[in-house]
Amino acid sequence: MDHVAAVKKYAPKADDQKIAAIVKHLGIALHHRDSSLVAASDPSELKTVHDSWCKKKLGLTDDAAIDAAIKKVAGIMHGDHDKSRVAFYYLLAEQFGKLDTL
């Protein structure tokens, strides 16, 4: 999967270095199709995004704001059956102004 193209589909001015940082963070998970995608209809998947990315990596603490942002990004990417994890995470970081922490 072309991670840069996946992100730039939704954020045309996305920073390639920030995309690379997310790719590096996700590492081997991106080698497997299932783990390289976000299943936005799966509550356990959304909990992983919430806890592992938003809270742990981005340092966010407002659960309601995190859940609202996840729902918003899922809506933005609604047209894609296969939602790129890199793009999903980039859009979340961008929403919270946390791209500089990557």
PDB file of N, CA and C in Angstrom:
ATOM      1  N   MET A   1       0.848  -1.188   0.000  1.00  0.00           N
ATOM      2  CA  MET A   1       0.000   0.000   0.000  1.00  0.00           C
ATOM      3  C   MET A   1       0.888   1.244   0.000  1.00  0.00           C
ATOM      4  N   ASP A   2       0.505   2.196  -0.786  1.00  0.00           N
ATOM      5  CA  ASP A   2       1.236   3.458  -0.839  1.00  0.00           C
ATOM      6  C   ASP A   2       0.697   4.370   0.262  1.00  0.00           C
ATOM      7  N   HIS A   3       1.428   4.439   1.363  1.00  0.00           N
ATOM      8  CA  HIS A   3       0.967   5.175   2.540  1.00  0.00           C
ATOM      9  C   HIS A   3       0.873   6.680   2.279  1.00  0.00           C
ATOM     10  N   VAL A   4       1.810   7.212   1.535  1.00  0.00           N
ATOM     11  CA  VAL A   4       1.798   8.647   1.250  1.00  0.00           C
ATOM     12  C   VAL A   4       0.542   8.988   0.442  1.00  0.00           C
ATOM     13  N   ALA A   5       0.247   8.208  -0.576  1.00  0.00           N
ATOM     14  CA  ALA A   5      -0.943   8.454  -1.400  1.00  0.00           C
ATOM     15  C   ALA A   5      -2.221   8.306  -0.577  1.00  0.00           C
ATOM     16  N   ALA A   6      -2.242   7.324   0.317  1.00  0.00           N
ATOM     17  CA  ALA A   6      -3.422   7.109   1.162  1.00  0.00           C
ATOM     18  C   ALA A   6      -3.694   8.321   2.045  1.00  0.00           C
ATOM     19  N   VAL A   7      -2.644   8.900   2.613  1.00  0.00           N
ATOM     20  CA  VAL A   7      -2.805  10.083   3.470  1.00  0.00           C
ATOM     21  C   VAL A   7      -3.184  11.294   2.629  1.00  0.00           C
ATOM     22  N   LYS A   8      -2.482  11.483   1.519  1.00  0.00           N
ATOM     23  CA  LYS A   8      -2.693  12.690   0.711  1.00  0.00           C
ATOM     24  C   LYS A   8      -4.051  12.698   0.010  1.00  0.00           C
ATOM     25  N   LYS A   9      -4.715  11.572  -0.025  1.00  0.00           N
ATOM     26  CA  LYS A   9      -6.081  11.528  -0.548  1.00  0.00           C
ATOM     27  C   LYS A   9      -6.989  12.406   0.320  1.00  0.00           C
ATOM     28  N   TYR A  10      -6.699  12.444   1.611  1.00  0.00           N
ATOM     29  CA  TYR A  10      -7.516  13.201   2.571  1.00  0.00           C
ATOM     30  C   TYR A  10      -6.841  14.477   3.049  1.00  0.00           C
ATOM     31  N   ALA A  11      -5.534  14.509   2.997  1.00  0.00           N
ATOM     32  CA  ALA A  11      -4.769  15.683   3.437  1.00  0.00           C
ATOM     33  C   ALA A  11      -3.726  15.983   2.363  1.00  0.00           C
ATOM     34  N   PRO A  12      -4.134  16.651   1.291  1.00  0.00           N
ATOM     35  CA  PRO A  12      -3.243  16.865   0.141  1.00  0.00           C
ATOM     36  C   PRO A  12      -1.914  17.537   0.482  1.00  0.00           C
ATOM     37  N   LYS A  13      -1.878  18.314   1.531  1.00  0.00           N
ATOM     38  CA  LYS A  13      -0.643  19.007   1.906  1.00  0.00           C
ATOM     39  C   LYS A  13       0.087  18.304   3.049  1.00  0.00           C
ATOM     40  N   ALA A  14      -0.201  17.042   3.237  1.00  0.00           N
ATOM     41  CA  ALA A  14       0.406  16.267   4.323  1.00  0.00           C
ATOM     42  C   ALA A  14       1.930  16.276   4.217  1.00  0.00           C
ATOM     43  N   ASP A  15       2.570  16.272   5.357  1.00  0.00           N
ATOM     44  CA  ASP A  15       4.025  16.298   5.470  1.00  0.00           C
ATOM     45  C   ASP A  15       4.573  14.868   5.342  1.00  0.00           C
ATOM     46  N   ASP A  16       5.403  14.642   4.333  1.00  0.00           N
ATOM     47  CA  ASP A  16       5.957  13.308   4.099  1.00  0.00           C
ATOM     48  C   ASP A  16       6.741  12.782   5.293  1.00  0.00           C
ATOM     49  N   GLN A  17       7.425  13.664   6.011  1.00  0.00           N
ATOM     50  CA  GLN A  17       8.200  13.232   7.188  1.00  0.00           C
ATOM     51  C   GLN A  17       7.288  12.761   8.308  1.00  0.00           C
ATOM     52  N   LYS A  18       6.147  13.400   8.462  1.00  0.00           N
ATOM     53  CA  LYS A  18       5.179  12.993   9.491  1.00  0.00           C
ATOM     54  C   LYS A  18       4.558  11.647   9.118  1.00  0.00           C
ATOM     55  N   ILE A  19       4.285  11.473   7.831  1.00  0.00           N
ATOM     56  CA  ILE A  19       3.765  10.182   7.361  1.00  0.00           C
ATOM     57  C   ILE A  19       4.794   9.097   7.643  1.00  0.00           C
ATOM     58  N   ALA A  20       6.051   9.376   7.342  1.00  0.00           N
ATOM     59  CA  ALA A  20       7.130   8.405   7.582  1.00  0.00           C
ATOM     60  C   ALA A  20       7.237   8.071   9.069  1.00  0.00           C
ATOM     61  N   ALA A  21       7.011   9.049   9.927  1.00  0.00           N
ATOM     62  CA  ALA A  21       7.077   8.813  11.373  1.00  0.00           C
ATOM     63  C   ALA A  21       5.968   7.860  11.820  1.00  0.00           C
ATOM     64  N   ILE A  22       4.786   8.003  11.243  1.00  0.00           N
ATOM     65  CA  ILE A  22       3.687   7.087  11.575  1.00  0.00           C
ATOM     66  C   ILE A  22       3.998   5.689  11.058  1.00  0.00           C
ATOM     67  N   VAL A  23       4.512   5.613   9.837  1.00  0.00           N
ATOM     68  CA  VAL A  23       4.887   4.315   9.262  1.00  0.00           C
ATOM     69  C   VAL A  23       5.926   3.634  10.156  1.00  0.00           C
ATOM     70  N   LYS A  24       6.908   4.398  10.612  1.00  0.00           N
ATOM     71  CA  LYS A  24       7.944   3.842  11.487  1.00  0.00           C
ATOM     72  C   LYS A  24       7.337   3.379  12.808  1.00  0.00           C
ATOM     73  N   HIS A  25       6.441   4.171  13.361  1.00  0.00           N
ATOM     74  CA  HIS A  25       5.782   3.813  14.631  1.00  0.00           C
ATOM     75  C   HIS A  25       5.008   2.503  14.490  1.00  0.00           C
ATOM     76  N   LEU A  26       4.301   2.340  13.384  1.00  0.00           N
ATOM     77  CA  LEU A  26       3.482   1.145  13.192  1.00  0.00           C
ATOM     78  C   LEU A  26       4.315  -0.082  12.828  1.00  0.00           C
ATOM     79  N   GLY A  27       5.462   0.152  12.213  1.00  0.00           N
ATOM     80  CA  GLY A  27       6.409  -0.923  11.930  1.00  0.00           C
ATOM     81  C   GLY A  27       5.817  -2.137  11.253  1.00  0.00           C
ATOM     82  N   ILE A  28       6.052  -3.284  11.871  1.00  0.00           N
ATOM     83  CA  ILE A  28       5.692  -4.567  11.274  1.00  0.00           C
ATOM     84  C   ILE A  28       4.188  -4.733  11.095  1.00  0.00           C
ATOM     85  N   ALA A  29       3.391  -4.001  11.858  1.00  0.00           N
ATOM     86  CA  ALA A  29       1.932  -4.104  11.718  1.00  0.00           C
ATOM     87  C   ALA A  29       1.483  -3.781  10.299  1.00  0.00           C
ATOM     88  N   LEU A  30       2.236  -2.950   9.611  1.00  0.00           N
ATOM     89  CA  LEU A  30       1.863  -2.572   8.254  1.00  0.00           C
ATOM     90  C   LEU A  30       2.149  -3.663   7.226  1.00  0.00           C
ATOM     91  N   HIS A  31       2.840  -4.715   7.640  1.00  0.00           N
ATOM     92  CA  HIS A  31       3.157  -5.806   6.722  1.00  0.00           C
ATOM     93  C   HIS A  31       1.978  -6.773   6.579  1.00  0.00           C
ATOM     94  N   HIS A  32       0.993  -6.645   7.445  1.00  0.00           N
ATOM     95  CA  HIS A  32      -0.169  -7.530   7.420  1.00  0.00           C
ATOM     96  C   HIS A  32      -1.401  -6.721   7.039  1.00  0.00           C
ATOM     97  N   ARG A  33      -2.141  -7.198   6.078  1.00  0.00           N
ATOM     98  CA  ARG A  33      -3.283  -6.464   5.564  1.00  0.00           C
ATOM     99  C   ARG A  33      -4.250  -6.057   6.675  1.00  0.00           C
ATOM    100  N   ASP A  34      -4.640  -6.974   7.520  1.00  0.00           N
ATOM    101  CA  ASP A  34      -5.622  -6.663   8.560  1.00  0.00           C
ATOM    102  C   ASP A  34      -5.144  -5.558   9.494  1.00  0.00           C
ATOM    103  N   SER A  35      -3.905  -5.642   9.917  1.00  0.00           N
ATOM    104  CA  SER A  35      -3.419  -4.651  10.876  1.00  0.00           C
ATOM    105  C   SER A  35      -3.007  -3.336  10.213  1.00  0.00           C
ATOM    106  N   SER A  36      -2.942  -3.309   8.891  1.00  0.00           N
ATOM    107  CA  SER A  36      -2.604  -2.063   8.203  1.00  0.00           C
ATOM    108  C   SER A  36      -3.852  -1.224   7.914  1.00  0.00           C
ATOM    109  N   LEU A  37      -5.007  -1.791   8.235  1.00  0.00           N
ATOM    110  CA  LEU A  37      -6.274  -1.107   7.993  1.00  0.00           C
ATOM    111  C   LEU A  37      -7.025  -0.894   9.303  1.00  0.00           C
ATOM    112  N   VAL A  38      -7.895   0.098   9.328  1.00  0.00           N
ATOM    113  CA  VAL A  38      -8.744   0.356  10.485  1.00  0.00           C
ATOM    114  C   VAL A  38     -10.155  -0.094  10.135  1.00  0.00           C
ATOM    115  N   ALA A  39     -10.698  -0.991  10.958  1.00  0.00           N
ATOM    116  CA  ALA A  39     -12.079  -1.442  10.795  1.00  0.00           C
ATOM    117  C   ALA A  39     -12.951  -0.526  11.654  1.00  0.00           C
ATOM    118  N   ALA A  40     -13.458   0.522  11.041  1.00  0.00           N
ATOM    119  CA  ALA A  40     -14.170   1.563  11.782  1.00  0.00           C
ATOM    120  C   ALA A  40     -15.500   1.100  12.364  1.00  0.00           C
ATOM    121  N   SER A  41     -15.986  -0.051  11.954  1.00  0.00           N
ATOM    122  CA  SER A  41     -17.242  -0.567  12.497  1.00  0.00           C
ATOM    123  C   SER A  41     -17.005  -1.557  13.642  1.00  0.00           C
ATOM    124  N   ASP A  42     -15.765  -1.803  13.982  1.00  0.00           N
ATOM    125  CA  ASP A  42     -15.414  -2.767  15.030  1.00  0.00           C
ATOM    126  C   ASP A  42     -15.060  -2.023  16.316  1.00  0.00           C
ATOM    127  N   PRO A  43     -15.895  -2.148  17.352  1.00  0.00           N
ATOM    128  CA  PRO A  43     -15.644  -1.433  18.608  1.00  0.00           C
ATOM    129  C   PRO A  43     -14.277  -1.732  19.231  1.00  0.00           C
ATOM    130  N   SER A  44     -13.806  -2.963  19.122  1.00  0.00           N
ATOM    131  CA  SER A  44     -12.495  -3.290  19.717  1.00  0.00           C
ATOM    132  C   SER A  44     -11.367  -2.611  18.934  1.00  0.00           C
ATOM    133  N   GLU A  45     -11.555  -2.482  17.636  1.00  0.00           N
ATOM    134  CA  GLU A  45     -10.567  -1.784  16.797  1.00  0.00           C
ATOM    135  C   GLU A  45     -10.521  -0.304  17.171  1.00  0.00           C
ATOM    136  N   LEU A  46     -11.686   0.298  17.360  1.00  0.00           N
ATOM    137  CA  LEU A  46     -11.740   1.716  17.717  1.00  0.00           C
ATOM    138  C   LEU A  46     -11.163   1.954  19.109  1.00  0.00           C
ATOM    139  N   LYS A  47     -11.306   0.970  19.999  1.00  0.00           N
ATOM    140  CA  LYS A  47     -10.705   1.073  21.333  1.00  0.00           C
ATOM    141  C   LYS A  47      -9.186   1.067  21.222  1.00  0.00           C
ATOM    142  N   THR A  48      -8.658   0.260  20.308  1.00  0.00           N
ATOM    143  CA  THR A  48      -7.216   0.228  20.080  1.00  0.00           C
ATOM    144  C   THR A  48      -6.725   1.583  19.573  1.00  0.00           C
ATOM    145  N   VAL A  49      -7.445   2.160  18.613  1.00  0.00           N
ATOM    146  CA  VAL A  49      -7.085   3.480  18.092  1.00  0.00           C
ATOM    147  C   VAL A  49      -7.126   4.504  19.229  1.00  0.00           C
ATOM    148  N   HIS A  50      -8.182   4.447  20.014  1.00  0.00           N
ATOM    149  CA  HIS A  50      -8.385   5.372  21.133  1.00  0.00           C
ATOM    150  C   HIS A  50      -7.239   5.262  22.144  1.00  0.00           C
ATOM    151  N   ASP A  51      -6.980   4.031  22.597  1.00  0.00           N
ATOM    152  CA  ASP A  51      -6.011   3.827  23.676  1.00  0.00           C
ATOM    153  C   ASP A  51      -4.562   3.889  23.203  1.00  0.00           C
ATOM    154  N   SER A  52      -4.251   3.140  22.154  1.00  0.00           N
ATOM    155  CA  SER A  52      -2.854   3.019  21.730  1.00  0.00           C
ATOM    156  C   SER A  52      -2.341   4.242  20.980  1.00  0.00           C
ATOM    157  N   TRP A  53      -3.171   4.811  20.111  1.00  0.00           N
ATOM    158  CA  TRP A  53      -2.705   5.951  19.322  1.00  0.00           C
ATOM    159  C   TRP A  53      -2.995   7.271  20.029  1.00  0.00           C
ATOM    160  N   CYS A  54      -4.255   7.502  20.310  1.00  0.00           N
ATOM    161  CA  CYS A  54      -4.650   8.818  20.832  1.00  0.00           C
ATOM    162  C   CYS A  54      -4.141   9.076  22.248  1.00  0.00           C
ATOM    163  N   LYS A  55      -4.299   8.098  23.127  1.00  0.00           N
ATOM    164  CA  LYS A  55      -3.892   8.318  24.516  1.00  0.00           C
ATOM    165  C   LYS A  55      -2.389   8.087  24.717  1.00  0.00           C
ATOM    166  N   LYS A  56      -1.933   6.931  24.256  1.00  0.00           N
ATOM    167  CA  LYS A  56      -0.534   6.554  24.517  1.00  0.00           C
ATOM    168  C   LYS A  56       0.453   7.354  23.666  1.00  0.00           C
ATOM    169  N   LYS A  57       0.239   7.384  22.364  1.00  0.00           N
ATOM    170  CA  LYS A  57       1.195   8.039  21.464  1.00  0.00           C
ATOM    171  C   LYS A  57       1.022   9.555  21.429  1.00  0.00           C
ATOM    172  N   LEU A  58      -0.226  10.017  21.313  1.00  0.00           N
ATOM    173  CA  LEU A  58      -0.457  11.466  21.201  1.00  0.00           C
ATOM    174  C   LEU A  58      -0.584  12.149  22.560  1.00  0.00           C
ATOM    175  N   GLY A  59      -0.751  11.367  23.630  1.00  0.00           N
ATOM    176  CA  GLY A  59      -0.817  11.936  24.975  1.00  0.00           C
ATOM    177  C   GLY A  59      -2.125  12.647  25.287  1.00  0.00           C
ATOM    178  N   LEU A  60      -3.191  12.264  24.632  1.00  0.00           N
ATOM    179  CA  LEU A  60      -4.485  12.901  24.859  1.00  0.00           C
ATOM    180  C   LEU A  60      -5.179  12.295  26.080  1.00  0.00           C
ATOM    181  N   THR A  61      -6.025  13.079  26.727  1.00  0.00           N
ATOM    182  CA  THR A  61      -6.682  12.597  27.947  1.00  0.00           C
ATOM    183  C   THR A  61      -8.203  12.731  27.930  1.00  0.00           C
ATOM    184  N   ASP A  62      -8.749  13.540  27.044  1.00  0.00           N
ATOM    185  CA  ASP A  62     -10.195  13.784  27.012  1.00  0.00           C
ATOM    186  C   ASP A  62     -10.877  12.701  26.177  1.00  0.00           C
ATOM    187  N   ASP A  63     -11.430  11.699  26.873  1.00  0.00           N
ATOM    188  CA  ASP A  63     -12.033  10.553  26.184  1.00  0.00           C
ATOM    189  C   ASP A  63     -13.147  10.958  25.225  1.00  0.00           C
ATOM    190  N   ALA A  64     -13.978  11.902  25.633  1.00  0.00           N
ATOM    191  CA  ALA A  64     -15.092  12.329  24.774  1.00  0.00           C
ATOM    192  C   ALA A  64     -14.569  12.995  23.494  1.00  0.00           C
ATOM    193  N   ALA A  65     -13.552  13.817  23.634  1.00  0.00           N
ATOM    194  CA  ALA A  65     -12.967  14.483  22.465  1.00  0.00           C
ATOM    195  C   ALA A  65     -12.295  13.461  21.542  1.00  0.00           C
ATOM    196  N   ILE A  66     -11.628  12.482  22.130  1.00  0.00           N
ATOM    197  CA  ILE A  66     -10.984  11.434  21.335  1.00  0.00           C
ATOM    198  C   ILE A  66     -12.045  10.662  20.547  1.00  0.00           C
ATOM    199  N   ASP A  67     -13.101  10.243  21.234  1.00  0.00           N
ATOM    200  CA  ASP A  67     -14.159   9.478  20.566  1.00  0.00           C
ATOM    201  C   ASP A  67     -14.821  10.287  19.454  1.00  0.00           C
ATOM    202  N   ALA A  68     -15.036  11.575  19.690  1.00  0.00           N
ATOM    203  CA  ALA A  68     -15.641  12.441  18.673  1.00  0.00           C
ATOM    204  C   ALA A  68     -14.722  12.568  17.460  1.00  0.00           C
ATOM    205  N   ALA A  69     -13.425  12.699  17.699  1.00  0.00           N
ATOM    206  CA  ALA A  69     -12.458  12.820  16.596  1.00  0.00           C
ATOM    207  C   ALA A  69     -12.374  11.515  15.796  1.00  0.00           C
ATOM    208  N   ILE A  70     -12.382  10.391  16.481  1.00  0.00           N
ATOM    209  CA  ILE A  70     -12.356   9.089  15.798  1.00  0.00           C
ATOM    210  C   ILE A  70     -13.595   8.955  14.921  1.00  0.00           C
ATOM    211  N   LYS A  71     -14.740   9.328  15.462  1.00  0.00           N
ATOM    212  CA  LYS A  71     -15.988   9.259  14.692  1.00  0.00           C
ATOM    213  C   LYS A  71     -15.915  10.188  13.481  1.00  0.00           C
ATOM    214  N   LYS A  72     -15.338  11.365  13.663  1.00  0.00           N
ATOM    215  CA  LYS A  72     -15.221  12.325  12.560  1.00  0.00           C
ATOM    216  C   LYS A  72     -14.312  11.787  11.461  1.00  0.00           C
ATOM    217  N   VAL A  73     -13.155  11.241  11.845  1.00  0.00           N
ATOM    218  CA  VAL A  73     -12.222  10.694  10.852  1.00  0.00           C
ATOM    219  C   VAL A  73     -12.849   9.499  10.139  1.00  0.00           C
ATOM    220  N   ALA A  74     -13.553   8.655  10.882  1.00  0.00           N
ATOM    221  CA  ALA A  74     -14.236   7.520  10.248  1.00  0.00           C
ATOM    222  C   ALA A  74     -15.253   8.030   9.231  1.00  0.00           C
ATOM    223  N   GLY A  75     -15.919   9.124   9.543  1.00  0.00           N
ATOM    224  CA  GLY A  75     -16.871   9.723   8.613  1.00  0.00           C
ATOM    225  C   GLY A  75     -16.192  10.286   7.379  1.00  0.00           C
ATOM    226  N   ILE A  76     -15.059  10.947   7.591  1.00  0.00           N
ATOM    227  CA  ILE A  76     -14.295  11.503   6.467  1.00  0.00           C
ATOM    228  C   ILE A  76     -13.865  10.387   5.519  1.00  0.00           C
ATOM    229  N   MET A  77     -13.463   9.252   6.090  1.00  0.00           N
ATOM    230  CA  MET A  77     -12.953   8.131   5.292  1.00  0.00           C
ATOM    231  C   MET A  77     -14.045   7.117   4.930  1.00  0.00           C
ATOM    232  N   HIS A  78     -15.278   7.468   5.201  1.00  0.00           N
ATOM    233  CA  HIS A  78     -16.405   6.549   5.019  1.00  0.00           C
ATOM    234  C   HIS A  78     -16.448   5.889   3.639  1.00  0.00           C
ATOM    235  N   GLY A  79     -16.080   6.616   2.611  1.00  0.00           N
ATOM    236  CA  GLY A  79     -16.131   6.083   1.250  1.00  0.00           C
ATOM    237  C   GLY A  79     -15.123   4.982   0.966  1.00  0.00           C
ATOM    238  N   ASP A  80     -14.114   4.850   1.818  1.00  0.00           N
ATOM    239  CA  ASP A  80     -13.099   3.807   1.633  1.00  0.00           C
ATOM    240  C   ASP A  80     -13.460   2.582   2.459  1.00  0.00           C
ATOM    241  N   HIS A  81     -13.686   1.473   1.789  1.00  0.00           N
ATOM    242  CA  HIS A  81     -13.931   0.230   2.519  1.00  0.00           C
ATOM    243  C   HIS A  81     -12.679  -0.153   3.305  1.00  0.00           C
ATOM    244  N   ASP A  82     -11.520   0.005   2.671  1.00  0.00           N
ATOM    245  CA  ASP A  82     -10.235  -0.287   3.314  1.00  0.00           C
ATOM    246  C   ASP A  82      -9.623   1.032   3.785  1.00  0.00           C
ATOM    247  N   LYS A  83      -9.753   1.306   5.072  1.00  0.00           N
ATOM    248  CA  LYS A  83      -9.256   2.559   5.639  1.00  0.00           C
ATOM    249  C   LYS A  83      -7.806   2.386   6.088  1.00  0.00           C
ATOM    250  N   SER A  84      -6.912   3.059   5.425  1.00  0.00           N
ATOM    251  CA  SER A  84      -5.494   2.991   5.756  1.00  0.00           C
ATOM    252  C   SER A  84      -5.264   3.442   7.196  1.00  0.00           C
ATOM    253  N   ARG A  85      -4.579   2.606   7.973  1.00  0.00           N
ATOM    254  CA  ARG A  85      -4.266   2.959   9.358  1.00  0.00           C
ATOM    255  C   ARG A  85      -3.368   4.205   9.402  1.00  0.00           C
ATOM    256  N   VAL A  86      -2.430   4.296   8.483  1.00  0.00           N
ATOM    257  CA  VAL A  86      -1.535   5.460   8.448  1.00  0.00           C
ATOM    258  C   VAL A  86      -2.345   6.732   8.209  1.00  0.00           C
ATOM    259  N   ALA A  87      -3.265   6.699   7.247  1.00  0.00           N
ATOM    260  CA  ALA A  87      -4.094   7.873   6.963  1.00  0.00           C
ATOM    261  C   ALA A  87      -4.998   8.194   8.149  1.00  0.00           C
ATOM    262  N   PHE A  88      -5.596   7.189   8.744  1.00  0.00           N
ATOM    263  CA  PHE A  88      -6.488   7.379   9.890  1.00  0.00           C
ATOM    264  C   PHE A  88      -5.726   8.053  11.031  1.00  0.00           C
ATOM    265  N   TYR A  89      -4.541   7.541  11.329  1.00  0.00           N
ATOM    266  CA  TYR A  89      -3.734   8.092  12.419  1.00  0.00           C
ATOM    267  C   TYR A  89      -3.243   9.500  12.099  1.00  0.00           C
ATOM    268  N   TYR A  90      -2.875   9.734  10.847  1.00  0.00           N
ATOM    269  CA  TYR A  90      -2.428  11.074  10.450  1.00  0.00           C
ATOM    270  C   TYR A  90      -3.554  12.079  10.662  1.00  0.00           C
ATOM    271  N   LEU A  91      -4.752  11.743  10.198  1.00  0.00           N
ATOM    272  CA  LEU A  91      -5.881  12.651  10.328  1.00  0.00           C
ATOM    273  C   LEU A  91      -6.222  12.929  11.786  1.00  0.00           C
ATOM    274  N   LEU A  92      -6.091  11.924  12.631  1.00  0.00           N
ATOM    275  CA  LEU A  92      -6.327  12.144  14.063  1.00  0.00           C
ATOM    276  C   LEU A  92      -5.274  13.087  14.649  1.00  0.00           C
ATOM    277  N   ALA A  93      -4.021  12.839  14.341  1.00  0.00           N
ATOM    278  CA  ALA A  93      -2.950  13.708  14.843  1.00  0.00           C
ATOM    279  C   ALA A  93      -3.155  15.139  14.354  1.00  0.00           C
ATOM    280  N   GLU A  94      -3.558  15.272  13.107  1.00  0.00           N
ATOM    281  CA  GLU A  94      -3.794  16.591  12.529  1.00  0.00           C
ATOM    282  C   GLU A  94      -4.953  17.290  13.250  1.00  0.00           C
ATOM    283  N   GLN A  95      -6.013  16.571  13.524  1.00  0.00           N
ATOM    284  CA  GLN A  95      -7.178  17.158  14.200  1.00  0.00           C
ATOM    285  C   GLN A  95      -6.819  17.712  15.572  1.00  0.00           C
ATOM    286  N   PHE A  96      -5.930  17.024  16.252  1.00  0.00           N
ATOM    287  CA  PHE A  96      -5.558  17.447  17.597  1.00  0.00           C
ATOM    288  C   PHE A  96      -4.339  18.356  17.633  1.00  0.00           C
ATOM    289  N   GLY A  97      -3.828  18.725  16.449  1.00  0.00           N
ATOM    290  CA  GLY A  97      -2.652  19.594  16.417  1.00  0.00           C
ATOM    291  C   GLY A  97      -1.419  18.920  16.976  1.00  0.00           C
ATOM    292  N   LYS A  98      -1.323  17.614  16.793  1.00  0.00           N
ATOM    293  CA  LYS A  98      -0.218  16.841  17.376  1.00  0.00           C
ATOM    294  C   LYS A  98       0.775  16.330  16.342  1.00  0.00           C
ATOM    295  N   LEU A  99       0.734  16.851  15.131  1.00  0.00           N
ATOM    296  CA  LEU A  99       1.663  16.361  14.099  1.00  0.00           C
ATOM    297  C   LEU A  99       3.114  16.610  14.497  1.00  0.00           C
ATOM    298  N   ASP A 100       3.370  17.664  15.235  1.00  0.00           N
ATOM    299  CA  ASP A 100       4.742  17.975  15.644  1.00  0.00           C
ATOM    300  C   ASP A 100       5.281  17.037  16.719  1.00  0.00           C
ATOM    301  N   THR A 101       4.398  16.218  17.308  1.00  0.00           N
ATOM    302  CA  THR A 101       4.855  15.273  18.334  1.00  0.00           C
ATOM    303  C   THR A 101       5.252  13.935  17.735  1.00  0.00           C
ATOM    304  N   LEU A 102       5.052  13.774  16.423  1.00  0.00           N
ATOM    305  CA  LEU A 102       5.347  12.487  15.787  1.00  0.00           C
ATOM    306  C   LEU A 102       6.829  12.292  15.557  1.00  0.00           C
TER     307      LEU A 102
END
